[in-house]
Structures are given as C-alpha cells and as structure tokens.
Amino acid sequence: MIVTTSWDDGDMLDERVADLLDRHGIRGTFYLARSCRSNRLSEKSIRALAKRHEIGAHTLSHPDLTLLSSAAKANEIEGGKKWLEDVIGETVAMFCYPFGRFDAETKALVAEAGFKGARTARQFVVAPPIDRFELSTTLQVHPSLLRRDTARDLGAYVFKSLDDHARWRPSLGAAVAILRGWPHLAEMLFQLSVRDRKHIFHLWGHSWEIEAMHMWEPLDSFLGFISSFDCRFETNCGR
C-alpha cells in the first residue's frame, strides 16, 4: 500500500508538520499559496522545506476558482506555479484546488499550466485514481468529524459499499468509529486500507487548524502507528 500526505496553505506551522513527518519517515506534499495566511512561510523557509518534502501550488491568493472568470482562473493557477518555481528553483508538478472546489474549466487550465495532477478535498477514498486531476484523499486531520462535507463523503463511502458484501461491514464500522473520535476512525480506515497493496492512504490537513484544534498529539501518535507498517511512503507526485 502507498501512504501519502498533504498539507495546505503555507502557514509557518507547516515546519512543525514537516518535523513530525521526518521523525516518522513519512513523505509529504505542501501546497502553498503566495498570500493566504498572515503568518505564512517565508521564501527562505519554503526553499528549506523543498529540500525535505514536495512543494505543490495552491494558487496566488487562495480564491474559490469556480467563481472567477477564465482569465482570472488562469492568472491564479499559472501565477502560483511560476511564483513557487522562482522561489525553489525547480519544477512544481502538483496543484491543490483551494477549498477543494473545481469545475471542468479549472481542471483544463491546471493541465494546460503543466501540472501532472491536482488534489481535491474529497475524503474516504483509498482506490487508485482514475483521473490525476481529481485526486481524492482518505482523511483530514480534524476533530469535528460530523461536518457537512465529511458526513457527505462518509455517506458516499458507506452506500457505495452496500452492494459489496466484503466491504459493507467495514464501512459501517467506520461510520460507528466516527462517533469515537478522530484517532479511532483514522486507525480503522488505515487498517482497512493496508489489506490491499493497490490502496492509497492519503492523510491531509492544515497546520494552523491542527494547532487551533489541539491535534498535534493525535497526529504524532497516528504517524507513529502507520510508520510501523510495511508501506511505500511517497509524495503526492509519487516520489
């Protein structure tokens, strides 16, 4: 099984996430916007981070791309890529849609800009991607598991499994685990995923949110848990 992680926005606390990943031998992709967080990483810090993990683009100003004109979308997508490549001195291959929102035109512009793939915010997915520009995730590091978007993705995961007798009991078990808190759900989803070598377990989050929600200890514990398994730890680009 492949394990990958990604971290959005470019807050200074991303360095703390990188330290945790390094401690446990896990790879990460950090999606950075030029102007999103008030305490964003400096360009010097971005260059240092690029030597440890993958850097991905997250537009210039983190807008909802689906609300912009074609020209404005292209400016945000292409401008964010150029800015990061100028900062780190190497090609930026991956893109992340701000807020996880995209449409057909946005996808096309991301591909035209030269990216190799783009990540969404869809959760509870472990199957290999069909479309490299609609990469899903498995779980976000966030204690509030009954949010609307999480409940929607979990519902899709459960109902998709109802016609598969090998999967419906585990999926319903995940629905129960969500009531016990993030650490229980995270470990259960991972243990279900690790049974198949074709699966991809994708953990993601925001460092500033981890700080605000006091999630550092659960994250550290979970990273230690998954690092003990015989998995391939890769960046979102597959390196």
C-alpha atoms as a PDB file:
ATOM      1  CA  MET A   1       0.000   0.000   0.000  1.00  0.00           C
ATOM      2  CA  ILE A   2       1.075   3.563  -0.672  1.00  0.00           C
ATOM      3  CA  VAL A   3       0.883   6.180   2.071  1.00  0.00           C
ATOM      4  CA  THR A   4       0.988   9.861   1.140  1.00  0.00           C
ATOM      5  CA  THR A   5       0.212  13.072   3.000  1.00  0.00           C
ATOM      6  CA  SER A   6      -0.518  16.664   2.021  1.00  0.00           C
ATOM      7  CA  TRP A   7      -0.726  19.944   3.919  1.00  0.00           C
ATOM      8  CA  ASP A   8      -2.380  23.103   2.663  1.00  0.00           C
ATOM      9  CA  ASP A   9      -1.935  26.888   2.694  1.00  0.00           C
ATOM     10  CA  GLY A  10       1.708  27.519   3.666  1.00  0.00           C
ATOM     11  CA  ASP A  11       1.435  28.546   7.311  1.00  0.00           C
ATOM     12  CA  MET A  12       4.655  28.789   9.353  1.00  0.00           C
ATOM     13  CA  LEU A  13       3.430  25.806  11.377  1.00  0.00           C
ATOM     14  CA  ASP A  14       3.974  23.653   8.284  1.00  0.00           C
ATOM     15  CA  GLU A  15       7.563  23.369   9.516  1.00  0.00           C
ATOM     16  CA  ARG A  16       6.275  21.590  12.620  1.00  0.00           C
ATOM     17  CA  VAL A  17       4.329  19.162  10.424  1.00  0.00           C
ATOM     18  CA  ALA A  18       7.473  18.541   8.376  1.00  0.00           C
ATOM     19  CA  ASP A  19       9.404  17.781  11.566  1.00  0.00           C
ATOM     20  CA  LEU A  20       6.796  15.168  12.556  1.00  0.00           C
ATOM     21  CA  LEU A  21       6.880  13.590   9.099  1.00  0.00           C
ATOM     22  CA  ASP A  22      10.668  13.417   9.142  1.00  0.00           C
ATOM     23  CA  ARG A  23      10.653  11.844  12.606  1.00  0.00           C
ATOM     24  CA  HIS A  24       8.463   9.011  11.358  1.00  0.00           C
ATOM     25  CA  GLY A  25       9.978   8.631   7.876  1.00  0.00           C
ATOM     26  CA  ILE A  26       6.815   9.744   6.060  1.00  0.00           C
ATOM     27  CA  ARG A  27       6.689  11.856   2.898  1.00  0.00           C
ATOM     28  CA  GLY A  28       4.536  14.945   2.410  1.00  0.00           C
ATOM     29  CA  THR A  29       3.428  17.447  -0.204  1.00  0.00           C
ATOM     30  CA  PHE A  30       2.968  21.028   0.995  1.00  0.00           C
ATOM     31  CA  TYR A  31       0.561  23.107  -1.108  1.00  0.00           C
ATOM     32  CA  LEU A  32       1.456  26.790  -0.812  1.00  0.00           C
ATOM     33  CA  ALA A  33      -0.393  29.948  -1.817  1.00  0.00           C
ATOM     34  CA  ARG A  34       1.543  33.209  -2.044  1.00  0.00           C
ATOM     35  CA  SER A  35      -0.971  35.183   0.040  1.00  0.00           C
ATOM     36  CA  CYS A  36      -3.276  33.078   2.159  1.00  0.00           C
ATOM     37  CA  ARG A  37      -2.028  33.019   5.750  1.00  0.00           C
ATOM     38  CA  SER A  38      -0.903  36.141   7.611  1.00  0.00           C
ATOM     39  CA  ASN A  39       1.934  34.152   9.192  1.00  0.00           C
ATOM     40  CA  ARG A  40       2.911  32.377   6.007  1.00  0.00           C
ATOM     41  CA  LEU A  41       6.217  30.669   5.389  1.00  0.00           C
ATOM     42  CA  SER A  42       8.991  32.973   4.220  1.00  0.00           C
ATOM     43  CA  GLU A  43      10.578  32.245   0.867  1.00  0.00           C
ATOM     44  CA  LYS A  44      13.723  31.142   2.696  1.00  0.00           C
ATOM     45  CA  SER A  45      11.653  28.655   4.699  1.00  0.00           C
ATOM     46  CA  ILE A  46       9.936  27.435   1.524  1.00  0.00           C
ATOM     47  CA  ARG A  47      13.316  26.697  -0.059  1.00  0.00           C
ATOM     48  CA  ALA A  48      14.379  24.783   3.050  1.00  0.00           C
ATOM     49  CA  LEU A  49      11.098  22.845   3.093  1.00  0.00           C
ATOM     50  CA  ALA A  50      11.530  21.935  -0.598  1.00  0.00           C
ATOM     51  CA  LYS A  51      14.742  20.091   0.288  1.00  0.00           C
ATOM     52  CA  ARG A  52      12.808  17.847   2.685  1.00  0.00           C
ATOM     53  CA  HIS A  53       9.410  17.361   1.031  1.00  0.00           C
ATOM     54  CA  GLU A  54       7.483  18.099  -2.153  1.00  0.00           C
ATOM     55  CA  ILE A  55       6.152  21.597  -2.793  1.00  0.00           C
ATOM     56  CA  GLY A  56       2.845  21.974  -4.637  1.00  0.00           C
ATOM     57  CA  ALA A  57       0.957  25.030  -5.890  1.00  0.00           C
ATOM     58  CA  HIS A  58      -2.239  26.363  -4.310  1.00  0.00           C
ATOM     59  CA  THR A  59      -2.803  29.495  -6.477  1.00  0.00           C
ATOM     60  CA  LEU A  60      -1.649  33.030  -5.716  1.00  0.00           C
ATOM     61  CA  SER A  61      -4.355  34.170  -3.280  1.00  0.00           C
ATOM     62  CA  HIS A  62      -6.412  31.051  -2.442  1.00  0.00           C
ATOM     63  CA  PRO A  63      -9.724  32.040  -4.107  1.00  0.00           C
ATOM     64  CA  ASP A  64     -12.673  29.834  -4.972  1.00  0.00           C
ATOM     65  CA  LEU A  65     -11.650  29.244  -8.576  1.00  0.00           C
ATOM     66  CA  THR A  66     -15.164  28.266  -9.636  1.00  0.00           C
ATOM     67  CA  LEU A  67     -16.293  31.868  -9.028  1.00  0.00           C
ATOM     68  CA  LEU A  68     -13.639  33.504 -11.225  1.00  0.00           C
ATOM     69  CA  SER A  69     -13.543  34.396 -14.905  1.00  0.00           C
ATOM     70  CA  SER A  70     -11.429  32.263 -17.214  1.00  0.00           C
ATOM     71  CA  ALA A  71      -8.677  34.884 -17.287  1.00  0.00           C
ATOM     72  CA  ALA A  72      -8.643  35.255 -13.508  1.00  0.00           C
ATOM     73  CA  LYS A  73      -8.508  31.485 -13.047  1.00  0.00           C
ATOM     74  CA  ALA A  74      -5.564  31.197 -15.402  1.00  0.00           C
ATOM     75  CA  ASN A  75      -3.746  34.026 -13.623  1.00  0.00           C
ATOM     76  CA  GLU A  76      -4.174  32.373 -10.214  1.00  0.00           C
ATOM     77  CA  ILE A  77      -3.147  28.925 -11.434  1.00  0.00           C
ATOM     78  CA  GLU A  78      -0.244  29.897 -13.672  1.00  0.00           C
ATOM     79  CA  GLY A  79       0.907  32.718 -11.384  1.00  0.00           C
ATOM     80  CA  GLY A  80       1.031  30.445  -8.340  1.00  0.00           C
ATOM     81  CA  LYS A  81       3.113  27.913 -10.244  1.00  0.00           C
ATOM     82  CA  LYS A  82       5.565  30.495 -11.571  1.00  0.00           C
ATOM     83  CA  TRP A  83       5.966  32.131  -8.156  1.00  0.00           C
ATOM     84  CA  LEU A  84       6.854  28.842  -6.469  1.00  0.00           C
ATOM     85  CA  GLU A  85       9.191  27.744  -9.252  1.00  0.00           C
ATOM     86  CA  ASP A  86      11.016  31.061  -8.991  1.00  0.00           C
ATOM     87  CA  VAL A  87      11.310  30.584  -5.210  1.00  0.00           C
ATOM     88  CA  ILE A  88      12.559  26.984  -5.130  1.00  0.00           C
ATOM     89  CA  GLY A  89      14.320  26.880  -8.490  1.00  0.00           C
ATOM     90  CA  GLU A  90      12.680  23.690  -9.716  1.00  0.00           C
ATOM     91  CA  THR A  91       9.515  22.496 -11.434  1.00  0.00           C
ATOM     92  CA  VAL A  92       6.308  22.333  -9.392  1.00  0.00           C
ATOM     93  CA  ALA A  93       4.334  19.283 -10.526  1.00  0.00           C
ATOM     94  CA  MET A  94       1.282  19.187  -8.236  1.00  0.00           C
ATOM     95  CA  PHE A  95      -1.671  21.510  -7.669  1.00  0.00           C
ATOM     96  CA  CYS A  96      -4.375  21.659  -4.989  1.00  0.00           C
ATOM     97  CA  TYR A  97      -7.769  23.291  -5.593  1.00  0.00           C
ATOM     98  CA  PRO A  98      -8.492  25.931  -2.907  1.00  0.00           C
ATOM     99  CA  PHE A  99     -11.398  24.739  -0.724  1.00  0.00           C
ATOM    100  CA  GLY A 100     -11.346  21.588  -2.873  1.00  0.00           C
ATOM    101  CA  ARG A 101     -13.599  23.316  -5.402  1.00  0.00           C
ATOM    102  CA  PHE A 102     -13.167  22.963  -9.149  1.00  0.00           C
ATOM    103  CA  ASP A 103     -15.057  22.656 -12.412  1.00  0.00           C
ATOM    104  CA  ALA A 104     -14.240  21.342 -15.875  1.00  0.00           C
ATOM    105  CA  GLU A 105     -12.655  24.609 -16.980  1.00  0.00           C
ATOM    106  CA  THR A 106     -10.487  24.776 -13.860  1.00  0.00           C
ATOM    107  CA  LYS A 107      -9.253  21.219 -14.408  1.00  0.00           C
ATOM    108  CA  ALA A 108      -8.389  22.015 -18.016  1.00  0.00           C
ATOM    109  CA  LEU A 109      -6.463  25.144 -17.038  1.00  0.00           C
ATOM    110  CA  VAL A 110      -4.489  23.246 -14.396  1.00  0.00           C
ATOM    111  CA  ALA A 111      -3.493  20.662 -17.004  1.00  0.00           C
ATOM    112  CA  GLU A 112      -2.615  23.367 -19.544  1.00  0.00           C
ATOM    113  CA  ALA A 113      -0.393  25.066 -16.957  1.00  0.00           C
ATOM    114  CA  GLY A 114       1.816  21.979 -16.958  1.00  0.00           C
ATOM    115  CA  PHE A 115       0.857  20.298 -13.706  1.00  0.00           C
ATOM    116  CA  LYS A 116       0.941  16.490 -13.501  1.00  0.00           C
ATOM    117  CA  GLY A 117      -2.018  16.229 -11.131  1.00  0.00           C
ATOM    118  CA  ALA A 118      -4.362  18.072  -8.788  1.00  0.00           C
ATOM    119  CA  ARG A 119      -5.745  17.210  -5.363  1.00  0.00           C
ATOM    120  CA  THR A 120      -9.320  17.711  -4.210  1.00  0.00           C
ATOM    121  CA  ALA A 121     -10.752  17.632  -0.662  1.00  0.00           C
ATOM    122  CA  ARG A 122     -12.921  14.542  -1.179  1.00  0.00           C
ATOM    123  CA  GLN A 123     -12.388  12.016   1.647  1.00  0.00           C
ATOM    124  CA  PHE A 124     -12.818   8.295   2.415  1.00  0.00           C
ATOM    125  CA  VAL A 125     -11.180   7.143  -0.809  1.00  0.00           C
ATOM    126  CA  VAL A 126      -8.355   4.574  -0.973  1.00  0.00           C
ATOM    127  CA  ALA A 127      -8.703   3.346  -4.554  1.00  0.00           C
ATOM    128  CA  PRO A 128      -6.029   4.338  -7.099  1.00  0.00           C
ATOM    129  CA  PRO A 129      -7.034   7.498  -9.001  1.00  0.00           C
ATOM    130  CA  ILE A 130      -8.823   7.299 -12.321  1.00  0.00           C
ATOM    131  CA  ASP A 131      -8.259  10.980 -13.082  1.00  0.00           C
ATOM    132  CA  ARG A 132      -4.938  12.514 -11.989  1.00  0.00           C
ATOM    133  CA  PHE A 133      -6.626  15.922 -11.858  1.00  0.00           C
ATOM    134  CA  GLU A 134      -9.237  14.752  -9.352  1.00  0.00           C
ATOM    135  CA  LEU A 135      -7.055  13.137  -6.695  1.00  0.00           C
ATOM    136  CA  SER A 136      -9.087  12.229  -3.625  1.00  0.00           C
ATOM    137  CA  THR A 137      -7.940  11.820  -0.019  1.00  0.00           C
ATOM    138  CA  THR A 138      -8.690   9.345   2.735  1.00  0.00           C
ATOM    139  CA  LEU A 139      -8.982  11.509   5.856  1.00  0.00           C
ATOM    140  CA  GLN A 140      -8.394  15.054   7.070  1.00  0.00           C
ATOM    141  CA  VAL A 141      -6.731  15.747  10.408  1.00  0.00           C
ATOM    142  CA  HIS A 142      -9.660  17.464  12.119  1.00  0.00           C
ATOM    143  CA  PRO A 143     -11.576  16.532  15.298  1.00  0.00           C
ATOM    144  CA  SER A 144     -15.003  17.600  14.013  1.00  0.00           C
ATOM    145  CA  LEU A 145     -15.953  14.506  12.051  1.00  0.00           C
ATOM    146  CA  LEU A 146     -19.637  15.349  11.679  1.00  0.00           C
ATOM    147  CA  ARG A 147     -19.133  18.406   9.482  1.00  0.00           C
ATOM    148  CA  ARG A 148     -21.305  18.575   6.374  1.00  0.00           C
ATOM    149  CA  ASP A 149     -18.561  17.786   3.858  1.00  0.00           C
ATOM    150  CA  THR A 150     -17.172  14.919   5.941  1.00  0.00           C
ATOM    151  CA  ALA A 151     -20.641  13.454   6.506  1.00  0.00           C
ATOM    152  CA  ARG A 152     -21.330  13.682   2.765  1.00  0.00           C
ATOM    153  CA  ASP A 153     -18.144  11.831   1.845  1.00  0.00           C
ATOM    154  CA  LEU A 154     -18.661   9.216   4.562  1.00  0.00           C
ATOM    155  CA  GLY A 155     -22.221   8.653   3.369  1.00  0.00           C
ATOM    156  CA  ALA A 156     -20.982   8.082  -0.172  1.00  0.00           C
ATOM    157  CA  TYR A 157     -18.357   5.653   1.149  1.00  0.00           C
ATOM    158  CA  VAL A 158     -20.922   3.641   3.117  1.00  0.00           C
ATOM    159  CA  PHE A 159     -23.603   3.484   0.420  1.00  0.00           C
ATOM    160  CA  LYS A 160     -21.066   2.575  -2.272  1.00  0.00           C
ATOM    161  CA  SER A 161     -20.135  -0.428  -0.148  1.00  0.00           C
ATOM    162  CA  LEU A 162     -23.653  -1.761   0.386  1.00  0.00           C
ATOM    163  CA  ASP A 163     -23.573  -3.895  -2.765  1.00  0.00           C
ATOM    164  CA  ASP A 164     -20.169  -5.332  -1.882  1.00  0.00           C
ATOM    165  CA  HIS A 165     -20.508  -7.954   0.864  1.00  0.00           C
ATOM    166  CA  ALA A 166     -16.777  -7.851   1.548  1.00  0.00           C
ATOM    167  CA  ARG A 167     -16.873  -4.112   2.244  1.00  0.00           C
ATOM    168  CA  TRP A 168     -20.208  -3.168   3.761  1.00  0.00           C
ATOM    169  CA  ARG A 169     -19.470  -4.324   7.316  1.00  0.00           C
ATOM    170  CA  PRO A 170     -16.098  -2.487   7.486  1.00  0.00           C
ATOM    171  CA  SER A 171     -17.645   0.654   6.027  1.00  0.00           C
ATOM    172  CA  LEU A 172     -20.438   0.649   8.574  1.00  0.00           C
ATOM    173  CA  GLY A 173     -17.768   0.073  11.212  1.00  0.00           C
ATOM    174  CA  ALA A 174     -16.105   3.280  10.036  1.00  0.00           C
ATOM    175  CA  ALA A 175     -19.408   5.085  10.452  1.00  0.00           C
ATOM    176  CA  VAL A 176     -19.523   3.888  14.061  1.00  0.00           C
ATOM    177  CA  ALA A 177     -15.851   4.743  14.648  1.00  0.00           C
ATOM    178  CA  ILE A 178     -16.505   8.342  13.664  1.00  0.00           C
ATOM    179  CA  LEU A 179     -18.517   8.700  16.881  1.00  0.00           C
ATOM    180  CA  ARG A 180     -15.497   7.620  18.944  1.00  0.00           C
ATOM    181  CA  GLY A 181     -13.259  10.397  17.649  1.00  0.00           C
ATOM    182  CA  TRP A 182     -10.597  11.076  15.046  1.00  0.00           C
ATOM    183  CA  PRO A 183      -7.857   8.700  16.330  1.00  0.00           C
ATOM    184  CA  HIS A 184     -10.223   5.702  16.267  1.00  0.00           C
ATOM    185  CA  LEU A 185     -11.510   6.488  12.786  1.00  0.00           C
ATOM    186  CA  ALA A 186      -8.007   7.153  11.431  1.00  0.00           C
ATOM    187  CA  GLU A 187      -6.624   3.846  12.683  1.00  0.00           C
ATOM    188  CA  MET A 188      -9.652   1.887  11.477  1.00  0.00           C
ATOM    189  CA  LEU A 189      -9.511   3.370   7.980  1.00  0.00           C
ATOM    190  CA  PHE A 190      -5.794   2.681   7.788  1.00  0.00           C
ATOM    191  CA  GLN A 191      -6.169  -0.933   8.915  1.00  0.00           C
ATOM    192  CA  LEU A 192      -8.894  -1.468   6.313  1.00  0.00           C
ATOM    193  CA  SER A 193      -6.721   0.108   3.620  1.00  0.00           C
ATOM    194  CA  VAL A 194      -3.496  -1.748   4.378  1.00  0.00           C
ATOM    195  CA  ARG A 195      -5.112  -5.069   3.385  1.00  0.00           C
ATOM    196  CA  ASP A 196      -4.736  -4.263  -0.316  1.00  0.00           C
ATOM    197  CA  ARG A 197      -1.405  -3.314  -1.905  1.00  0.00           C
ATOM    198  CA  LYS A 198      -3.211  -1.287  -4.554  1.00  0.00           C
ATOM    199  CA  HIS A 199      -4.759   1.056  -1.987  1.00  0.00           C
ATOM    200  CA  ILE A 200      -3.514   4.596  -1.381  1.00  0.00           C
ATOM    201  CA  PHE A 201      -3.971   6.041   2.099  1.00  0.00           C
ATOM    202  CA  HIS A 202      -3.913   9.838   1.809  1.00  0.00           C
ATOM    203  CA  LEU A 203      -3.827  11.910   5.002  1.00  0.00           C
ATOM    204  CA  TRP A 204      -4.163  15.690   4.751  1.00  0.00           C
ATOM    205  CA  GLY A 205      -4.744  18.794   6.821  1.00  0.00           C
ATOM    206  CA  HIS A 206      -3.873  22.378   7.710  1.00  0.00           C
ATOM    207  CA  SER A 207      -1.098  23.008  10.233  1.00  0.00           C
ATOM    208  CA  TRP A 208      -2.841  26.115  11.579  1.00  0.00           C
ATOM    209  CA  GLU A 209      -6.008  24.078  12.130  1.00  0.00           C
ATOM    210  CA  ILE A 210      -4.054  21.322  13.883  1.00  0.00           C
ATOM    211  CA  GLU A 211      -2.736  23.983  16.262  1.00  0.00           C
ATOM    212  CA  ALA A 212      -6.150  25.556  16.849  1.00  0.00           C
ATOM    213  CA  MET A 213      -7.831  22.182  17.416  1.00  0.00           C
ATOM    214  CA  HIS A 214      -5.035  20.773  19.631  1.00  0.00           C
ATOM    215  CA  MET A 215      -4.379  17.889  17.223  1.00  0.00           C
ATOM    216  CA  TRP A 216      -0.581  17.675  17.423  1.00  0.00           C
ATOM    217  CA  GLU A 217      -0.501  14.748  19.856  1.00  0.00           C
ATOM    218  CA  PRO A 218      -3.110  12.641  17.984  1.00  0.00           C
ATOM    219  CA  LEU A 219      -1.293  13.363  14.700  1.00  0.00           C
ATOM    220  CA  ASP A 220       2.104  12.401  16.117  1.00  0.00           C
ATOM    221  CA  SER A 221       0.647   9.201  17.566  1.00  0.00           C
ATOM    222  CA  PHE A 222      -1.063   8.256  14.301  1.00  0.00           C
ATOM    223  CA  LEU A 223       2.052   8.924  12.209  1.00  0.00           C
ATOM    224  CA  GLY A 224       3.985   6.663  14.566  1.00  0.00           C
ATOM    225  CA  PHE A 225       1.319   3.998  14.161  1.00  0.00           C
ATOM    226  CA  ILE A 226       1.363   3.953  10.358  1.00  0.00           C
ATOM    227  CA  SER A 227       5.160   4.201  10.136  1.00  0.00           C
ATOM    228  CA  SER A 228       5.423   0.739  11.711  1.00  0.00           C
ATOM    229  CA  PHE A 229       3.723  -0.882   8.691  1.00  0.00           C
ATOM    230  CA  ASP A 230       5.442  -2.115   5.538  1.00  0.00           C
ATOM    231  CA  CYS A 231       4.164   0.578   3.167  1.00  0.00           C
ATOM    232  CA  ARG A 232       5.568   2.766   0.416  1.00  0.00           C
ATOM    233  CA  PHE A 233       5.731   6.337   1.697  1.00  0.00           C
ATOM    234  CA  GLU A 234       5.506   8.776  -1.222  1.00  0.00           C
ATOM    235  CA  THR A 235       4.720  12.377  -2.052  1.00  0.00           C
ATOM    236  CA  ASN A 236       1.505  13.174  -3.935  1.00  0.00           C
ATOM    237  CA  CYS A 237       3.504  13.129  -7.171  1.00  0.00           C
ATOM    238  CA  GLY A 238       4.737   9.630  -6.407  1.00  0.00           C
ATOM    239  CA  ARG A 239       8.315  10.334  -5.398  1.00  0.00           C
END
